[in-house]
């Protein structure tokens, strides 16, 4: 059997995957890439991370996009996103150098775990399915 080198899945603070799925993939030599990484501040706006992510962004004098992407990168997740705007591309690039504190990363993680939101496949999965 051929083991994939990379698995791309919806992954963001509100969809962190249950049952140790990400560690399991890494144990089997499979890296993780994410789509819809920015869902908490775009299609999932209005959730409990809105204020904390905005506060963290203000403390670092950066955008909320930069904060959420940096959160994913800190977990060795390769975020994939798109834009047609140069200023947004600059924000995305800034995520590579932003260093969030352990407390900021943990705050995003813990709040995200309390609020489940799936953008892709919501018609196929039970609303509480975190797989």
N, C-alpha and C. Protein backbone atom coordinates (compact mmCIF):
# COMPACT_ATOMS: atom_id res chain seq x y z
N UNK A 1 0.84 -1.18 0.00
CA UNK A 1 0.00 0.00 0.00
C UNK A 1 0.88 1.24 0.00
N UNK A 2 0.43 2.24 -0.70
CA UNK A 2 1.14 3.51 -0.75
C UNK A 2 0.58 4.41 0.35
N UNK A 3 1.43 4.88 1.23
CA UNK A 3 1.01 5.78 2.30
C UNK A 3 1.10 7.20 1.76
N UNK A 4 0.03 7.97 1.89
CA UNK A 4 0.10 9.36 1.41
C UNK A 4 1.11 10.16 2.22
N UNK A 5 1.74 11.12 1.58
CA UNK A 5 2.70 11.98 2.27
C UNK A 5 2.00 13.14 2.96
N UNK A 6 0.81 13.51 2.46
CA UNK A 6 0.10 14.68 2.97
C UNK A 6 -1.39 14.43 2.90
N UNK A 7 -2.09 14.85 3.93
CA UNK A 7 -3.55 14.79 3.94
C UNK A 7 -4.07 16.19 4.17
N UNK A 8 -4.88 16.68 3.25
CA UNK A 8 -5.46 18.01 3.40
C UNK A 8 -6.89 17.85 3.91
N UNK A 9 -7.20 18.54 4.99
CA UNK A 9 -8.52 18.46 5.58
C UNK A 9 -8.91 19.81 6.17
N UNK A 10 -10.19 19.96 6.44
CA UNK A 10 -10.63 21.19 7.10
C UNK A 10 -10.08 21.16 8.52
N UNK A 11 -9.30 22.17 8.86
CA UNK A 11 -8.69 22.22 10.18
C UNK A 11 -8.54 23.68 10.57
N UNK A 12 -9.10 24.02 11.70
CA UNK A 12 -9.02 25.37 12.25
C UNK A 12 -9.42 25.27 13.73
N UNK A 13 -9.36 26.35 14.48
CA UNK A 13 -9.67 26.24 15.91
C UNK A 13 -11.02 25.61 16.22
N UNK A 14 -12.02 25.82 15.37
CA UNK A 14 -13.34 25.23 15.62
C UNK A 14 -13.47 23.81 15.06
N UNK A 15 -12.48 23.33 14.35
CA UNK A 15 -12.51 21.98 13.80
C UNK A 15 -11.11 21.36 13.93
N UNK A 16 -10.77 20.99 15.17
CA UNK A 16 -9.43 20.50 15.47
C UNK A 16 -9.32 18.98 15.35
N UNK A 17 -10.39 18.32 15.03
CA UNK A 17 -10.44 16.88 14.81
C UNK A 17 -10.30 16.11 16.12
N UNK A 18 -11.16 15.15 16.27
CA UNK A 18 -11.21 14.34 17.49
C UNK A 18 -10.36 13.09 17.34
N UNK A 19 -10.31 12.34 18.41
CA UNK A 19 -9.71 11.00 18.44
C UNK A 19 -8.24 10.99 18.02
N UNK A 20 -7.53 12.08 18.33
CA UNK A 20 -6.09 12.14 18.05
C UNK A 20 -5.76 11.86 16.58
N UNK A 21 -6.62 12.33 15.68
CA UNK A 21 -6.45 12.06 14.26
C UNK A 21 -5.14 12.65 13.71
N UNK A 22 -4.84 13.89 14.07
CA UNK A 22 -3.61 14.52 13.56
C UNK A 22 -2.38 13.78 14.09
N UNK A 23 -2.27 13.50 15.39
CA UNK A 23 -1.11 12.73 15.86
C UNK A 23 -1.02 11.34 15.20
N UNK A 24 -2.17 10.70 14.96
CA UNK A 24 -2.16 9.40 14.31
C UNK A 24 -1.55 9.51 12.91
N UNK A 25 -1.95 10.53 12.15
CA UNK A 25 -1.39 10.70 10.81
C UNK A 25 0.12 10.89 10.88
N UNK A 26 0.57 11.72 11.80
CA UNK A 26 2.01 11.97 11.92
C UNK A 26 2.76 10.70 12.32
N UNK A 27 2.18 9.90 13.20
CA UNK A 27 2.82 8.62 13.57
C UNK A 27 3.00 7.71 12.37
N UNK A 28 2.16 7.89 11.36
CA UNK A 28 2.22 7.08 10.15
C UNK A 28 2.91 7.81 9.00
N UNK A 29 3.63 8.90 9.32
CA UNK A 29 4.41 9.60 8.31
C UNK A 29 3.59 10.47 7.37
N UNK A 30 2.40 10.84 7.79
CA UNK A 30 1.52 11.66 6.95
C UNK A 30 1.47 13.07 7.53
N UNK A 31 1.88 14.05 6.76
CA UNK A 31 1.80 15.44 7.20
C UNK A 31 0.39 15.96 6.95
N UNK A 32 0.07 17.10 7.57
CA UNK A 32 -1.29 17.63 7.52
C UNK A 32 -1.29 19.03 6.92
N UNK A 33 -2.20 19.22 5.98
CA UNK A 33 -2.44 20.52 5.38
C UNK A 33 -3.90 20.86 5.62
N UNK A 34 -4.19 22.13 5.76
CA UNK A 34 -5.57 22.52 6.07
C UNK A 34 -6.15 23.45 5.01
N UNK A 35 -7.44 23.25 4.77
CA UNK A 35 -8.20 24.23 4.00
C UNK A 35 -9.23 24.83 4.95
N UNK A 36 -9.71 26.00 4.62
CA UNK A 36 -10.66 26.75 5.45
C UNK A 36 -10.07 27.08 6.82
N UNK A 37 -8.77 27.27 6.89
CA UNK A 37 -8.10 27.61 8.14
C UNK A 37 -8.66 28.89 8.73
N UNK A 38 -9.08 29.80 7.88
CA UNK A 38 -9.57 31.10 8.35
C UNK A 38 -11.08 31.09 8.64
N UNK A 39 -11.71 29.93 8.62
CA UNK A 39 -13.15 29.84 8.84
C UNK A 39 -13.64 30.55 10.10
N UNK A 40 -12.91 30.48 11.23
CA UNK A 40 -13.43 31.15 12.43
C UNK A 40 -13.60 32.67 12.27
N UNK A 41 -12.86 33.28 11.35
CA UNK A 41 -12.98 34.74 11.19
C UNK A 41 -13.65 35.11 9.87
N UNK A 42 -14.09 34.08 9.12
CA UNK A 42 -14.79 34.36 7.86
C UNK A 42 -16.19 33.74 7.93
N UNK A 43 -16.34 32.53 7.43
CA UNK A 43 -17.67 31.88 7.38
C UNK A 43 -18.19 31.49 8.76
N UNK A 44 -17.34 31.42 9.77
CA UNK A 44 -17.75 31.09 11.13
C UNK A 44 -17.75 32.28 12.06
N UNK A 45 -17.69 33.47 11.48
CA UNK A 45 -17.66 34.70 12.29
C UNK A 45 -18.89 34.76 13.19
N UNK A 46 -18.71 35.37 14.35
CA UNK A 46 -19.80 35.45 15.31
C UNK A 46 -19.66 34.43 16.42
N UNK A 47 -18.55 33.70 16.42
CA UNK A 47 -18.31 32.68 17.44
C UNK A 47 -17.50 33.24 18.59
N UNK A 48 -17.20 32.40 19.57
CA UNK A 48 -16.51 32.84 20.78
C UNK A 48 -15.06 33.26 20.57
N UNK A 49 -14.46 32.98 19.41
CA UNK A 49 -13.08 33.41 19.17
C UNK A 49 -12.96 34.82 18.62
N UNK A 50 -14.07 35.41 18.21
CA UNK A 50 -14.00 36.74 17.60
C UNK A 50 -13.23 37.74 18.46
N UNK A 51 -13.64 37.91 19.69
CA UNK A 51 -13.00 38.90 20.57
C UNK A 51 -11.58 38.50 20.96
N UNK A 52 -11.33 37.27 21.41
CA UNK A 52 -9.95 36.92 21.77
C UNK A 52 -8.97 37.05 20.60
N UNK A 53 -9.34 36.60 19.41
CA UNK A 53 -8.44 36.71 18.26
C UNK A 53 -8.21 38.17 17.90
N UNK A 54 -9.24 38.99 17.98
CA UNK A 54 -9.07 40.43 17.73
C UNK A 54 -8.14 41.06 18.75
N UNK A 55 -8.27 40.67 20.01
CA UNK A 55 -7.40 41.21 21.06
C UNK A 55 -5.94 40.79 20.85
N UNK A 56 -5.74 39.53 20.49
CA UNK A 56 -4.39 39.03 20.23
C UNK A 56 -3.79 39.78 19.04
N UNK A 57 -4.57 39.95 17.99
CA UNK A 57 -4.10 40.67 16.80
C UNK A 57 -3.70 42.10 17.16
N UNK A 58 -4.51 42.76 17.98
CA UNK A 58 -4.20 44.14 18.39
C UNK A 58 -2.90 44.19 19.20
N UNK A 59 -2.70 43.23 20.10
CA UNK A 59 -1.47 43.18 20.90
C UNK A 59 -0.23 43.04 20.02
N UNK A 60 -0.37 42.34 18.92
CA UNK A 60 0.78 42.10 18.02
C UNK A 60 0.80 43.06 16.83
N UNK A 61 -0.16 43.99 16.82
CA UNK A 61 -0.25 44.95 15.72
C UNK A 61 -0.30 44.24 14.37
N UNK A 62 -1.20 43.26 14.29
CA UNK A 62 -1.34 42.49 13.06
C UNK A 62 -2.82 42.20 12.82
N UNK A 63 -3.11 41.40 11.82
CA UNK A 63 -4.50 41.09 11.48
C UNK A 63 -4.96 39.79 12.15
N UNK A 64 -6.27 39.62 12.18
CA UNK A 64 -6.81 38.37 12.71
C UNK A 64 -6.43 37.19 11.81
N UNK A 65 -6.33 37.43 10.52
CA UNK A 65 -5.90 36.36 9.60
C UNK A 65 -4.50 35.88 9.96
N UNK A 66 -3.62 36.81 10.22
CA UNK A 66 -2.24 36.47 10.57
C UNK A 66 -2.23 35.63 11.85
N UNK A 67 -3.04 35.99 12.81
CA UNK A 67 -3.10 35.25 14.09
C UNK A 67 -3.58 33.82 13.87
N UNK A 68 -4.67 33.64 13.15
CA UNK A 68 -5.23 32.30 12.96
C UNK A 68 -4.27 31.42 12.14
N UNK A 69 -3.66 31.98 11.11
CA UNK A 69 -2.70 31.21 10.32
C UNK A 69 -1.48 30.84 11.17
N UNK A 70 -1.02 31.78 12.00
CA UNK A 70 0.12 31.50 12.87
C UNK A 70 -0.22 30.38 13.86
N UNK A 71 -1.44 30.38 14.37
CA UNK A 71 -1.89 29.31 15.27
C UNK A 71 -1.74 27.95 14.59
N UNK A 72 -2.18 27.84 13.34
CA UNK A 72 -2.07 26.58 12.61
C UNK A 72 -0.61 26.21 12.35
N UNK A 73 0.18 27.17 11.92
CA UNK A 73 1.59 26.92 11.62
C UNK A 73 2.32 26.43 12.87
N UNK A 74 1.96 26.99 14.03
CA UNK A 74 2.61 26.57 15.28
C UNK A 74 2.38 25.09 15.56
N UNK A 75 1.30 24.54 15.04
CA UNK A 75 1.00 23.12 15.22
C UNK A 75 1.54 22.26 14.07
N UNK A 76 2.38 22.85 13.26
CA UNK A 76 2.95 22.16 12.09
C UNK A 76 1.87 21.72 11.10
N UNK A 77 0.83 22.52 11.01
CA UNK A 77 -0.22 22.34 10.01
C UNK A 77 0.12 23.30 8.87
N UNK A 78 0.04 22.84 7.64
CA UNK A 78 0.33 23.69 6.48
C UNK A 78 -0.99 24.28 5.99
N UNK A 79 -1.26 25.56 6.33
CA UNK A 79 -2.53 26.15 5.91
C UNK A 79 -2.51 26.55 4.43
N UNK A 80 -3.62 26.27 3.76
CA UNK A 80 -3.79 26.67 2.38
C UNK A 80 -4.94 27.67 2.35
N UNK A 81 -4.70 28.80 1.75
CA UNK A 81 -5.75 29.79 1.60
C UNK A 81 -5.51 30.54 0.30
N UNK A 82 -6.47 31.32 -0.10
CA UNK A 82 -6.35 32.05 -1.36
C UNK A 82 -6.73 33.51 -1.15
N UNK A 83 -6.26 34.33 -2.06
CA UNK A 83 -6.66 35.73 -2.08
C UNK A 83 -6.27 36.32 -3.43
N UNK A 84 -6.94 37.38 -3.78
CA UNK A 84 -6.55 38.14 -4.98
C UNK A 84 -6.00 39.50 -4.58
N UNK A 85 -5.90 39.74 -3.27
CA UNK A 85 -5.47 41.05 -2.77
C UNK A 85 -4.06 40.99 -2.19
N UNK A 86 -3.22 41.89 -2.66
CA UNK A 86 -1.82 41.92 -2.22
C UNK A 86 -1.70 42.14 -0.72
N UNK A 87 -2.54 42.99 -0.13
CA UNK A 87 -2.45 43.24 1.31
C UNK A 87 -2.78 42.01 2.13
N UNK A 88 -3.70 41.19 1.64
CA UNK A 88 -3.99 39.94 2.35
C UNK A 88 -2.83 38.97 2.22
N UNK A 89 -2.21 38.92 1.06
CA UNK A 89 -1.05 38.05 0.89
C UNK A 89 0.05 38.45 1.87
N UNK A 90 0.22 39.76 2.07
CA UNK A 90 1.20 40.23 3.06
C UNK A 90 0.85 39.74 4.46
N UNK A 91 -0.44 39.77 4.80
CA UNK A 91 -0.88 39.27 6.11
C UNK A 91 -0.56 37.78 6.25
N UNK A 92 -0.80 37.03 5.19
CA UNK A 92 -0.55 35.60 5.22
C UNK A 92 0.94 35.32 5.38
N UNK A 93 1.76 36.08 4.69
CA UNK A 93 3.21 35.92 4.81
C UNK A 93 3.67 36.28 6.22
N UNK A 94 3.06 37.30 6.82
CA UNK A 94 3.42 37.70 8.19
C UNK A 94 3.20 36.58 9.20
N UNK A 95 2.28 35.67 8.89
CA UNK A 95 2.01 34.56 9.81
C UNK A 95 3.23 33.66 10.00
N UNK A 96 4.12 33.66 9.03
CA UNK A 96 5.32 32.84 9.13
C UNK A 96 6.28 33.33 10.21
N UNK A 97 6.25 34.63 10.49
CA UNK A 97 7.18 35.17 11.48
C UNK A 97 6.51 35.55 12.81
N UNK A 98 5.20 35.58 12.85
CA UNK A 98 4.51 35.91 14.10
C UNK A 98 4.71 34.79 15.11
N UNK A 99 5.12 35.15 16.30
CA UNK A 99 5.30 34.17 17.38
C UNK A 99 4.29 34.49 18.49
N UNK A 100 3.24 33.71 18.52
CA UNK A 100 2.25 33.87 19.58
C UNK A 100 2.79 33.24 20.86
N UNK A 101 2.38 33.77 21.99
CA UNK A 101 2.82 33.20 23.26
C UNK A 101 2.11 31.87 23.49
N UNK A 102 2.67 31.06 24.38
CA UNK A 102 2.03 29.78 24.74
C UNK A 102 0.61 30.04 25.24
N UNK A 103 0.43 31.10 26.04
CA UNK A 103 -0.90 31.41 26.57
C UNK A 103 -1.87 31.79 25.46
N UNK A 104 -1.40 32.55 24.47
CA UNK A 104 -2.28 32.94 23.35
C UNK A 104 -2.66 31.72 22.52
N UNK A 105 -1.70 30.86 22.25
CA UNK A 105 -1.98 29.65 21.48
C UNK A 105 -2.97 28.77 22.22
N UNK A 106 -2.77 28.61 23.52
CA UNK A 106 -3.64 27.77 24.33
C UNK A 106 -5.05 28.37 24.42
N UNK A 107 -5.14 29.68 24.52
CA UNK A 107 -6.45 30.33 24.57
C UNK A 107 -7.23 30.05 23.28
N UNK A 108 -6.60 30.19 22.15
CA UNK A 108 -7.26 29.92 20.87
C UNK A 108 -7.67 28.45 20.80
N UNK A 109 -6.78 27.56 21.18
CA UNK A 109 -7.06 26.13 21.13
C UNK A 109 -8.24 25.78 22.02
N UNK A 110 -8.21 26.21 23.27
CA UNK A 110 -9.26 25.83 24.22
C UNK A 110 -10.62 26.41 23.86
N UNK A 111 -10.66 27.67 23.46
CA UNK A 111 -11.95 28.25 23.05
C UNK A 111 -12.45 27.54 21.81
N UNK A 112 -11.55 27.25 20.89
CA UNK A 112 -11.94 26.54 19.68
C UNK A 112 -12.52 25.16 19.97
N UNK A 113 -11.95 24.46 20.94
CA UNK A 113 -12.44 23.13 21.28
C UNK A 113 -13.85 23.16 21.86
N UNK A 114 -14.24 24.28 22.44
CA UNK A 114 -15.57 24.38 23.06
C UNK A 114 -16.66 24.72 22.05
N UNK A 115 -16.29 25.16 20.86
CA UNK A 115 -17.27 25.59 19.86
C UNK A 115 -16.96 24.87 18.55
N UNK A 116 -17.76 23.88 18.21
CA UNK A 116 -17.51 23.11 17.00
C UNK A 116 -18.21 23.77 15.81
N UNK A 117 -17.49 23.92 14.71
CA UNK A 117 -18.05 24.47 13.47
C UNK A 117 -17.34 23.80 12.31
N UNK A 118 -18.12 23.20 11.44
CA UNK A 118 -17.58 22.55 10.25
C UNK A 118 -18.15 23.30 9.04
N UNK A 119 -17.27 23.76 8.17
CA UNK A 119 -17.72 24.45 6.96
C UNK A 119 -17.99 23.44 5.85
N UNK A 120 -17.03 22.53 5.61
CA UNK A 120 -17.17 21.58 4.53
C UNK A 120 -17.88 20.32 5.02
N UNK A 121 -18.77 19.80 4.20
CA UNK A 121 -19.41 18.52 4.50
C UNK A 121 -20.47 18.57 5.58
N UNK A 122 -20.92 19.75 5.93
CA UNK A 122 -21.90 19.84 7.02
C UNK A 122 -23.21 19.11 6.69
N UNK A 123 -23.46 18.90 5.39
CA UNK A 123 -24.66 18.16 5.00
C UNK A 123 -24.46 16.65 5.12
N UNK A 124 -23.22 16.21 5.30
CA UNK A 124 -22.91 14.78 5.38
C UNK A 124 -22.66 14.30 6.80
N UNK A 125 -22.35 15.22 7.71
CA UNK A 125 -21.97 14.86 9.07
C UNK A 125 -22.98 15.38 10.07
N UNK A 126 -23.14 14.67 11.16
CA UNK A 126 -23.95 15.14 12.26
C UNK A 126 -23.32 16.43 12.79
N UNK A 127 -24.09 17.40 13.22
CA UNK A 127 -23.52 18.67 13.69
C UNK A 127 -22.49 18.52 14.81
N UNK A 128 -22.57 17.48 15.60
CA UNK A 128 -21.60 17.28 16.69
C UNK A 128 -20.46 16.34 16.33
N UNK A 129 -20.42 15.84 15.10
CA UNK A 129 -19.35 14.94 14.67
C UNK A 129 -18.07 15.73 14.51
N UNK A 130 -17.08 15.42 15.33
CA UNK A 130 -15.81 16.15 15.31
C UNK A 130 -14.69 15.37 14.65
N UNK A 131 -15.06 14.32 13.93
CA UNK A 131 -14.03 13.49 13.29
C UNK A 131 -13.40 14.19 12.09
